């Protein structure tokens, strides 16, 4: 199972690689003849397609299994990225965003469930840390081609070819997936009892709360990542280059924190790590409310990043324990869908609110979602304990 785990880790690096639209867009929109704001259209299409992929993942896995679905999705994402590289106009990029998003949604939901069911909690934390590795390498690849060739097309082509090269590795090790036992009980008795639709699954005790927890958490993580720099520059009067560096440290805190959280799982339970992470986010947010020097603002962002690190993996790993192995894939798909919606819609909402009020709203916005997340988490624990 360790050999398969390495392939899963590498697959999650591949999942993070395509996150380069923000890095390349400054060059892309001029050549495409569209406005800078048009990136939001591609981003929304990509997010919507990813949500669809996450929601459809359970049905697809029941048909072909997690290994074949991941293989197919890697091929689809690789081809889609190459499609980006030859996209001659904005409409084509929008079209290629659909299969790219669906493929990413399949990989994300399928591999999260495999690790949640068959591996210890530490591996879930490390899995998401490897996504951070991919999300860091992707912009580096794009930056290399932008600097050397002033070509975002070459950047996308390189990442797409990297995905397809990994497909060869995946095929050579495909027999490892046969070691994964089926997670579905197909006995007649269970078929009659198990929920057959997302609507029925949502009625299970705690599922609705878990969906909202993922939504609120991703709202926090994405909003800090997108708007903390603006808050530091506009409200706290930091230089733009300093603020940009500190945001990089925020994302670094999440990635490094997830590697560290993997070791902490050997001593602490998932619930304890979720509580610890929430407390660290709370501490960092409180600092943002205070008239503190620049150095403590850095501490605040680092605390928020470190606090974010264990929450998502720990919540994901708890899913089979909370709702049963037979339901976990479908429920993880729903949770992933709400996670993507939180990260897609809540940061732009803050931008609208800040534009009409003030960027001083930033710590209040983070605190609001944190309180909701903590309340929903406690509610989930009570419902699961009763059921």
Protein backbone atom coordinates (compact mmCIF):
# COMPACT_ATOMS: atom_id res chain seq x y z
CA UNK A 1 0.00 0.00 0.00
CA UNK A 2 2.98 2.33 0.49
CA UNK A 3 3.86 2.13 -3.21
CA UNK A 4 0.30 3.09 -4.11
CA UNK A 5 0.44 5.93 -1.61
CA UNK A 6 3.45 7.38 -3.44
CA UNK A 7 1.46 7.33 -6.69
CA UNK A 8 -1.45 9.05 -4.91
CA UNK A 9 0.90 11.74 -3.57
CA UNK A 10 2.33 12.31 -7.04
CA UNK A 11 -1.22 12.49 -8.44
CA UNK A 12 -2.00 15.25 -5.96
CA UNK A 13 1.07 17.16 -7.12
CA UNK A 14 -0.39 16.87 -10.62
CA UNK A 15 -3.69 18.17 -9.21
CA UNK A 16 -1.94 21.31 -7.95
CA UNK A 17 0.13 22.01 -11.08
CA UNK A 18 -2.65 23.57 -13.25
CA UNK A 19 -3.26 26.44 -10.80
CA UNK A 20 -1.40 28.95 -12.95
CA UNK A 21 -4.13 31.17 -14.41
CA UNK A 22 -3.37 33.96 -11.95
CA UNK A 23 0.35 33.78 -12.74
CA UNK A 24 -0.14 34.01 -16.49
CA UNK A 25 -3.20 36.23 -16.85
CA UNK A 26 -1.37 39.57 -16.98
CA UNK A 27 0.20 38.39 -20.24
CA UNK A 28 -2.72 36.31 -21.48
CA UNK A 29 -5.51 38.89 -21.55
CA UNK A 30 -3.58 41.34 -23.72
CA UNK A 31 -2.91 38.73 -26.39
CA UNK A 32 -6.48 37.45 -26.23
CA UNK A 33 -7.90 40.95 -26.57
CA UNK A 34 -10.11 40.76 -23.48
CA UNK A 35 -10.36 42.77 -20.29
CA UNK A 36 -8.38 41.89 -17.14
CA UNK A 37 -11.66 41.02 -15.40
CA UNK A 38 -12.32 38.24 -17.93
CA UNK A 39 -10.18 35.91 -15.83
CA UNK A 40 -13.18 35.70 -13.52
CA UNK A 41 -15.23 34.09 -16.29
CA UNK A 42 -12.67 31.34 -16.85
CA UNK A 43 -12.30 30.88 -13.11
CA UNK A 44 -16.07 30.54 -12.61
CA UNK A 45 -16.41 28.02 -15.46
CA UNK A 46 -13.47 26.04 -14.09
CA UNK A 47 -14.94 26.06 -10.58
CA UNK A 48 -18.42 25.06 -11.77
CA UNK A 49 -16.96 22.18 -13.78
CA UNK A 50 -14.90 21.06 -10.79
CA UNK A 51 -18.02 21.05 -8.60
CA UNK A 52 -19.79 18.89 -11.19
CA UNK A 53 -16.84 16.50 -11.26
CA UNK A 54 -16.84 16.18 -7.47
CA UNK A 55 -20.59 15.51 -7.37
CA UNK A 56 -20.44 12.91 -10.17
CA UNK A 57 -17.39 11.16 -8.74
CA UNK A 58 -19.33 8.60 -6.68
CA UNK A 59 -21.31 7.36 -9.70
CA UNK A 60 -18.19 7.16 -11.83
CA UNK A 61 -16.23 5.22 -9.23
CA UNK A 62 -19.05 2.73 -8.85
CA UNK A 63 -18.68 2.06 -12.59
CA UNK A 64 -14.92 2.08 -13.19
CA UNK A 65 -13.20 2.23 -9.79
CA UNK A 66 -10.92 4.95 -8.35
CA UNK A 67 -7.81 3.86 -10.25
CA UNK A 68 -9.34 3.96 -13.73
CA UNK A 69 -11.19 7.19 -12.97
CA UNK A 70 -7.96 8.86 -11.82
CA UNK A 71 -6.15 7.60 -14.93
CA UNK A 72 -8.86 8.89 -17.27
CA UNK A 73 -8.96 12.20 -15.42
CA UNK A 74 -5.18 12.67 -15.66
CA UNK A 75 -5.39 12.14 -19.42
CA UNK A 76 -8.31 14.57 -19.70
CA UNK A 77 -6.56 17.28 -17.64
CA UNK A 78 -3.32 16.84 -19.60
CA UNK A 79 -5.09 17.16 -22.94
CA UNK A 80 -7.10 20.15 -21.66
CA UNK A 81 -3.94 21.96 -20.58
CA UNK A 82 -2.42 21.37 -24.01
CA UNK A 83 -5.71 22.73 -25.39
CA UNK A 84 -5.08 25.89 -23.35
CA UNK A 85 -1.65 26.17 -24.94
CA UNK A 86 -3.12 26.27 -28.46
CA UNK A 87 -6.16 28.33 -27.51
CA UNK A 88 -6.26 31.12 -30.05
CA UNK A 89 -9.15 32.98 -28.45
CA UNK A 90 -10.94 33.48 -25.19
CA UNK A 91 -13.93 31.28 -26.12
CA UNK A 92 -11.67 28.27 -26.66
CA UNK A 93 -10.11 28.77 -23.23
CA UNK A 94 -13.60 28.76 -21.72
CA UNK A 95 -14.40 25.52 -23.56
CA UNK A 96 -11.19 23.81 -22.43
CA UNK A 97 -11.92 24.89 -18.84
CA UNK A 98 -14.88 22.49 -18.72
CA UNK A 99 -13.03 19.15 -19.16
CA UNK A 100 -10.12 20.50 -17.11
CA UNK A 101 -12.41 21.32 -14.18
CA UNK A 102 -14.34 18.04 -14.36
CA UNK A 103 -11.09 16.05 -14.41
CA UNK A 104 -9.70 17.95 -11.43
CA UNK A 105 -12.94 17.38 -9.50
CA UNK A 106 -12.79 13.63 -10.18
CA UNK A 107 -9.16 13.33 -9.04
CA UNK A 108 -9.70 15.45 -5.92
CA UNK A 109 -12.80 13.65 -4.64
CA UNK A 110 -11.65 10.13 -5.58
CA UNK A 111 -8.20 10.29 -4.00
CA UNK A 112 -9.45 12.03 -0.87
CA UNK A 113 -11.84 9.14 -0.31
CA UNK A 114 -9.19 6.47 -0.96
CA UNK A 115 -6.87 8.03 1.63
CA UNK A 116 -9.71 8.64 4.11
CA UNK A 117 -10.75 4.98 3.94
CA UNK A 118 -7.47 3.13 3.68
CA UNK A 119 -4.73 5.25 5.26
CA UNK A 120 -3.99 6.92 8.58
CA UNK A 121 -4.79 10.56 9.26
CA UNK A 122 -1.15 11.63 8.81
CA UNK A 123 -1.31 10.61 5.16
CA UNK A 124 -4.35 12.84 4.56
CA UNK A 125 -2.42 15.83 5.88
CA UNK A 126 0.60 14.98 3.76
CA UNK A 127 -1.66 14.42 0.73
CA UNK A 128 -2.88 18.01 0.88
CA UNK A 129 0.65 19.23 1.54
CA UNK A 130 1.67 17.64 -1.76
CA UNK A 131 -1.13 19.57 -3.45
CA UNK A 132 0.59 22.68 -2.11
CA UNK A 133 3.85 21.47 -3.63
CA UNK A 134 2.17 21.18 -7.04
CA UNK A 135 0.45 24.54 -6.62
CA UNK A 136 3.89 26.09 -5.95
CA UNK A 137 5.70 24.34 -8.82
CA UNK A 138 3.06 25.25 -11.41
CA UNK A 139 3.56 29.04 -11.16
CA UNK A 140 7.33 28.50 -11.18
CA UNK A 141 7.07 26.63 -14.50
CA UNK A 142 4.84 29.36 -15.91
CA UNK A 143 7.18 32.11 -14.67
CA UNK A 144 10.14 30.36 -16.35
CA UNK A 145 8.47 30.41 -19.77
CA UNK A 146 7.15 33.94 -19.30
CA UNK A 147 10.64 35.21 -18.53
CA UNK A 148 12.55 33.14 -21.11
CA UNK A 149 10.07 33.13 -23.99
CA UNK A 150 7.34 35.59 -22.96
CA UNK A 151 4.99 32.69 -23.76
CA UNK A 152 2.16 31.58 -21.52
CA UNK A 153 1.29 29.04 -24.21
CA UNK A 154 4.62 27.27 -23.65
CA UNK A 155 3.94 27.26 -19.91
CA UNK A 156 0.59 25.53 -20.32
CA UNK A 157 2.07 23.12 -22.88
CA UNK A 158 4.86 22.16 -20.49
CA UNK A 159 2.44 21.51 -17.63
CA UNK A 160 0.11 19.53 -19.90
CA UNK A 161 2.97 17.36 -21.17
CA UNK A 162 4.09 16.82 -17.56
CA UNK A 163 0.60 15.52 -16.76
CA UNK A 164 0.68 13.13 -19.72
CA UNK A 165 4.21 11.97 -18.82
CA UNK A 166 2.91 11.08 -15.37
CA UNK A 167 0.14 9.07 -17.04
CA UNK A 168 2.86 6.70 -18.26
CA UNK A 169 4.10 6.25 -14.68
CA UNK A 170 0.51 5.74 -13.56
CA UNK A 171 -0.05 3.05 -16.20
CA UNK A 172 3.15 1.21 -15.27
CA UNK A 173 2.01 1.02 -11.65
CA UNK A 174 -1.70 0.51 -12.34
CA UNK A 175 -1.71 -3.00 -10.89
CA UNK A 176 -1.22 -1.43 -7.44
CA UNK A 177 -4.85 -0.26 -7.55
CA UNK A 178 -6.01 -3.87 -7.43
CA UNK A 179 -4.92 -3.94 -3.79
CA UNK A 180 -7.64 -1.41 -2.92
CA UNK A 181 -10.73 -3.30 -1.74
CA UNK A 182 -14.16 -2.17 -2.84
CA UNK A 183 -15.63 0.42 -0.49
CA UNK A 184 -19.19 -0.40 -1.48
CA UNK A 185 -21.33 -3.06 0.13
CA UNK A 186 -23.53 -4.31 -2.71
CA UNK A 187 -25.58 -6.78 -0.72
CA UNK A 188 -29.31 -6.60 -1.29
CA UNK A 189 -29.91 -5.59 2.31
CA UNK A 190 -27.56 -2.60 2.05
CA UNK A 191 -28.86 -1.64 -1.38
CA UNK A 192 -32.30 -1.24 0.14
CA UNK A 193 -31.04 0.87 3.04
CA UNK A 194 -28.31 3.07 1.61
CA UNK A 195 -29.18 6.51 0.23
CA UNK A 196 -29.37 6.50 -3.54
CA UNK A 197 -29.17 10.23 -4.19
CA UNK A 198 -27.49 13.37 -2.93
CA UNK A 199 -30.88 14.57 -1.68
CA UNK A 200 -31.20 11.51 0.54
CA UNK A 201 -27.59 11.72 1.70
CA UNK A 202 -28.05 15.30 2.85
CA UNK A 203 -30.81 14.07 5.16
CA UNK A 204 -28.34 11.92 7.10
CA UNK A 205 -27.55 13.40 10.55
CA UNK A 206 -24.62 15.80 10.28
CA UNK A 207 -24.18 15.82 6.49
CA UNK A 208 -25.71 19.28 6.08
CA UNK A 209 -23.49 20.62 8.85
CA UNK A 210 -20.37 19.05 7.31
CA UNK A 211 -21.16 20.67 3.95
CA UNK A 212 -21.36 24.09 5.58
CA UNK A 213 -18.15 23.50 7.55
CA UNK A 214 -16.25 22.94 4.31
CA UNK A 215 -17.93 25.99 2.77
CA UNK A 216 -17.01 28.23 5.71
CA UNK A 217 -13.45 26.91 5.99
CA UNK A 218 -12.69 27.45 2.29
CA UNK A 219 -14.26 30.91 2.49
CA UNK A 220 -11.68 31.76 5.15
CA UNK A 221 -8.68 30.22 3.39
CA UNK A 222 -9.45 31.72 -0.03
CA UNK A 223 -10.46 35.17 1.28
CA UNK A 224 -7.24 35.53 3.26
CA UNK A 225 -5.22 34.40 0.25
CA UNK A 226 -6.90 36.86 -2.10
CA UNK A 227 -7.51 39.95 0.06
CA UNK A 228 -5.05 39.96 2.97
CA UNK A 229 -2.44 41.73 0.83
CA UNK A 230 -4.90 44.51 -0.05
CA UNK A 231 -5.85 44.83 3.61
CA UNK A 232 -2.21 45.16 4.65
CA UNK A 233 -1.49 47.79 1.99
CA UNK A 234 -4.69 49.87 2.23
CA UNK A 235 -5.49 49.65 5.94
CA UNK A 236 -2.10 48.91 7.55
CA UNK A 237 -0.01 50.99 5.10
CA UNK A 238 2.52 48.28 4.27
CA UNK A 239 4.53 48.44 1.05
CA UNK A 240 3.09 46.29 -1.73
CA UNK A 241 6.21 44.15 -2.06
CA UNK A 242 6.24 43.49 1.70
CA UNK A 243 2.57 42.53 1.69
CA UNK A 244 3.12 40.19 -1.26
CA UNK A 245 5.98 38.47 0.57
CA UNK A 246 3.87 37.98 3.67
CA UNK A 247 1.05 36.43 1.66
CA UNK A 248 3.59 33.99 0.24
CA UNK A 249 4.47 33.13 3.83
CA UNK A 250 0.77 32.58 4.55
CA UNK A 251 0.55 29.97 1.80
CA UNK A 252 3.88 28.56 2.91
CA UNK A 253 2.45 28.25 6.41
CA UNK A 254 -0.41 26.15 5.08
CA UNK A 255 1.89 23.81 3.14
CA UNK A 256 4.52 23.43 5.86
CA UNK A 257 1.76 23.19 8.47
CA UNK A 258 0.21 20.25 6.66
CA UNK A 259 3.48 18.37 6.65
CA UNK A 260 3.81 19.08 10.38
CA UNK A 261 0.17 18.16 11.01
CA UNK A 262 0.92 14.71 9.60
CA UNK A 263 3.27 14.12 12.52
CA UNK A 264 0.85 15.65 15.02
CA UNK A 265 -1.82 13.11 14.01
CA UNK A 266 0.32 10.50 15.76
CA UNK A 267 -0.42 12.27 19.05
CA UNK A 268 -3.68 14.12 18.46
CA UNK A 269 -7.04 13.04 17.02
CA UNK A 270 -8.65 14.65 13.99
CA UNK A 271 -11.09 16.48 16.26
CA UNK A 272 -8.27 17.85 18.40
CA UNK A 273 -6.40 19.05 15.31
CA UNK A 274 -9.53 20.76 13.99
CA UNK A 275 -9.94 22.49 17.36
CA UNK A 276 -6.28 23.50 17.45
CA UNK A 277 -6.42 24.86 13.91
CA UNK A 278 -9.56 26.86 14.67
CA UNK A 279 -7.91 28.32 17.77
CA UNK A 280 -4.83 29.39 15.78
CA UNK A 281 -6.98 31.07 13.11
CA UNK A 282 -8.86 32.82 15.92
CA UNK A 283 -5.63 34.02 17.52
CA UNK A 284 -4.33 35.35 14.22
CA UNK A 285 -7.61 37.10 13.49
CA UNK A 286 -7.65 38.76 16.92
CA UNK A 287 -4.19 40.20 16.22
CA UNK A 288 -5.54 41.75 13.00
CA UNK A 289 -8.11 43.66 15.08
CA UNK A 290 -5.38 45.23 17.24
CA UNK A 291 -3.15 48.28 16.53
CA UNK A 292 0.03 46.19 16.46
CA UNK A 293 3.41 46.71 14.71
CA UNK A 294 4.23 45.16 11.33
CA UNK A 295 6.07 42.20 12.82
CA UNK A 296 2.95 41.05 14.65
CA UNK A 297 0.88 41.32 11.49
CA UNK A 298 3.28 38.79 9.99
CA UNK A 299 2.72 36.58 13.03
CA UNK A 300 -1.05 36.94 12.52
CA UNK A 301 -0.91 35.73 8.91
CA UNK A 302 1.44 32.91 9.81
CA UNK A 303 -0.90 31.80 12.62
CA UNK A 304 -3.89 31.84 10.27
CA UNK A 305 -1.95 29.81 7.69
CA UNK A 306 -0.79 27.30 10.29
CA UNK A 307 -4.32 27.13 11.65
CA UNK A 308 -5.76 26.39 8.23
CA UNK A 309 -3.25 23.60 7.66
CA UNK A 310 -4.83 20.70 9.62
CA UNK A 311 -8.52 21.57 9.29
CA UNK A 312 -9.37 20.49 5.74
CA UNK A 313 -7.43 17.17 5.83
CA UNK A 314 -8.73 16.29 9.30
CA UNK A 315 -12.33 17.03 8.33
CA UNK A 316 -11.92 14.91 5.20
CA UNK A 317 -10.38 12.00 7.08
CA UNK A 318 -13.27 11.98 9.55
CA UNK A 319 -15.89 11.51 6.82
CA UNK A 320 -15.93 7.68 6.80
CA UNK A 321 -16.03 7.67 10.62
CA UNK A 322 -18.93 10.11 10.67
CA UNK A 323 -21.08 8.68 7.88
CA UNK A 324 -19.82 5.19 7.04
CA UNK A 325 -17.50 3.81 4.37
CA UNK A 326 -20.38 2.98 2.02
CA UNK A 327 -21.50 6.63 1.94
CA UNK A 328 -18.13 8.34 2.19
CA UNK A 329 -17.35 8.75 -1.53
CA UNK A 330 -20.69 10.40 -2.31
CA UNK A 331 -20.51 12.60 0.78
CA UNK A 332 -16.90 13.60 0.09
CA UNK A 333 -18.05 14.64 -3.39
CA UNK A 334 -20.73 16.85 -1.85
CA UNK A 335 -18.26 18.27 0.67
CA UNK A 336 -15.77 19.03 -2.10
CA UNK A 337 -18.49 20.77 -4.09
CA UNK A 338 -19.33 23.04 -1.16
CA UNK A 339 -15.63 23.63 -0.52
CA UNK A 340 -15.18 24.86 -4.09
CA UNK A 341 -18.28 27.05 -3.81
CA UNK A 342 -16.94 28.64 -0.63
CA UNK A 343 -13.58 29.41 -2.21
CA UNK A 344 -15.20 30.63 -5.44
CA UNK A 345 -17.98 32.91 -4.23
CA UNK A 346 -17.00 34.25 -0.80
CA UNK A 347 -13.76 36.09 -1.73
CA UNK A 348 -15.49 38.07 -4.52
CA UNK A 349 -18.30 38.87 -2.08
CA UNK A 350 -15.76 40.42 0.28
CA UNK A 351 -14.38 42.47 -2.62
CA UNK A 352 -17.84 43.88 -3.29
CA UNK A 353 -18.45 44.63 0.40
CA UNK A 354 -15.03 46.25 0.81
CA UNK A 355 -15.54 48.40 -2.27
CA UNK A 356 -18.80 49.77 -0.86
CA UNK A 357 -17.64 50.03 2.76
CA UNK A 358 -13.99 49.63 3.78
CA UNK A 359 -11.18 47.08 3.74
CA UNK A 360 -11.22 47.40 7.51
CA UNK A 361 -14.04 44.88 7.26
CA UNK A 362 -11.47 42.15 6.50
CA UNK A 363 -10.86 40.74 10.04
CA UNK A 364 -14.61 40.93 10.79
CA UNK A 365 -15.33 38.90 7.65
CA UNK A 366 -12.81 36.20 8.63
CA UNK A 367 -14.09 36.12 12.22
CA UNK A 368 -17.69 35.77 11.00
CA UNK A 369 -16.94 32.63 8.99
CA UNK A 370 -14.71 31.23 11.73
CA UNK A 371 -17.50 31.48 14.30
CA UNK A 372 -19.94 29.82 11.91
CA UNK A 373 -17.44 27.04 11.21
CA UNK A 374 -16.85 26.36 14.91
CA UNK A 375 -20.59 26.35 15.68
CA UNK A 376 -21.29 23.93 12.82
CA UNK A 377 -18.40 21.69 13.89
CA UNK A 378 -19.75 21.38 17.43
CA UNK A 379 -23.22 20.71 16.05
CA UNK A 380 -21.83 18.00 13.76
CA UNK A 381 -20.10 16.26 16.67
CA UNK A 382 -23.33 16.16 18.67
CA UNK A 383 -25.39 14.79 15.79
CA UNK A 384 -22.86 12.10 14.92
CA UNK A 385 -22.56 11.07 18.57
CA UNK A 386 -26.33 10.65 18.81
CA UNK A 387 -26.64 8.71 15.57
